[in-house]
Amino acid sequence: MATMVSKRRSTFGVNCVQCDNELIAPEKSEFWNERDIRNLWRCPKCACCFATIVETEPDVMMRDDVFQSLPVA
């Protein structure tokens, strides 16, 4: 696996895999499973679409911890 030096000025976002344009926020994020979040990216410069997977730590609060089901009468 190749390692690349980041040219980003911030600690979030990614660079486009095709043209290396800095992308600040994903177009869409979704829970992939209990621990993984999939971010879908689209570059406005070259229209390349790609996905990244972020693995969360086991002790991180997840969607069900924050948005607990409430009984509805």
Protein backbone atom coordinates (compact mmCIF):
# COMPACT_ATOMS: atom_id res chain seq x y z
CA MET A 1 0.00 0.00 0.00
CA ALA A 2 1.36 3.40 -0.99
CA THR A 3 1.52 6.24 1.53
CA MET A 4 0.85 9.80 0.41
CA VAL A 5 1.71 13.00 2.24
CA SER A 6 -1.41 15.05 2.83
CA LYS A 7 -1.55 18.56 1.37
CA ARG A 8 -4.79 19.38 3.16
CA ARG A 9 -4.91 22.44 5.38
CA SER A 10 -7.56 20.94 7.66
CA THR A 11 -7.99 17.69 9.58
CA PHE A 12 -11.24 16.74 7.84
CA GLY A 13 -12.19 16.05 4.25
CA VAL A 14 -10.24 14.15 1.60
CA ASN A 15 -8.54 14.76 -1.71
CA CYS A 16 -10.20 13.57 -4.91
CA VAL A 17 -8.79 10.21 -6.01
CA GLN A 18 -8.74 11.36 -9.63
CA CYS A 19 -7.68 15.04 -9.75
CA ASP A 20 -6.43 15.59 -6.14
CA ASN A 21 -8.88 18.46 -5.57
CA GLU A 22 -9.52 19.12 -1.86
CA LEU A 23 -13.05 18.05 -0.83
CA ILE A 24 -14.35 19.45 2.43
CA ALA A 25 -17.49 17.40 3.11
CA PRO A 26 -19.03 14.23 1.71
CA GLU A 27 -22.14 14.41 -0.44
CA LYS A 28 -23.75 11.71 1.70
CA SER A 29 -22.88 9.71 4.83
CA GLU A 30 -24.55 6.52 5.99
CA PHE A 31 -24.13 3.89 8.66
CA TRP A 32 -22.63 0.89 6.87
CA ASN A 33 -22.84 -1.42 9.90
CA GLU A 34 -22.44 -1.23 13.69
CA ARG A 35 -18.96 0.35 13.58
CA ASP A 36 -18.44 1.72 10.08
CA ILE A 37 -19.65 4.90 8.41
CA ARG A 38 -19.52 5.16 4.61
CA ASN A 39 -18.96 8.61 3.13
CA LEU A 40 -19.88 9.19 -0.52
CA TRP A 41 -17.86 11.90 -2.26
CA ARG A 42 -18.32 13.73 -5.57
CA CYS A 43 -15.70 16.08 -6.89
CA PRO A 44 -17.17 19.27 -8.42
CA LYS A 45 -13.99 19.78 -10.45
CA CYS A 46 -13.86 16.45 -12.34
CA ALA A 47 -17.20 14.78 -11.34
CA CYS A 48 -15.40 11.72 -9.95
CA CYS A 49 -17.50 9.75 -7.43
CA PHE A 50 -15.97 7.51 -4.76
CA ALA A 51 -16.60 6.21 -1.24
CA THR A 52 -14.56 6.04 1.95
CA ILE A 53 -15.22 3.93 5.03
CA VAL A 54 -14.54 5.35 8.51
CA GLU A 55 -14.22 2.79 11.28
CA THR A 56 -15.36 4.13 14.66
CA GLU A 57 -13.95 3.07 18.00
CA PRO A 58 -16.09 0.62 20.04
CA ASP A 59 -16.75 3.21 22.79
CA VAL A 60 -17.98 5.95 20.40
CA MET A 61 -21.67 6.80 20.64
CA MET A 62 -23.56 5.66 17.57
CA ARG A 63 -26.87 6.66 15.99
CA ASP A 64 -28.97 4.39 18.24
CA ASP A 65 -27.32 5.88 21.34
CA VAL A 66 -28.20 9.41 20.29
CA PHE A 67 -31.59 8.80 18.64
CA GLN A 68 -33.17 6.26 20.94
CA SER A 69 -36.59 4.95 20.04
CA LEU A 70 -39.42 6.61 21.94
CA PRO A 71 -42.79 4.98 22.51
CA VAL A 72 -45.57 6.72 20.61
CA ALA A 73 -49.08 6.66 22.06
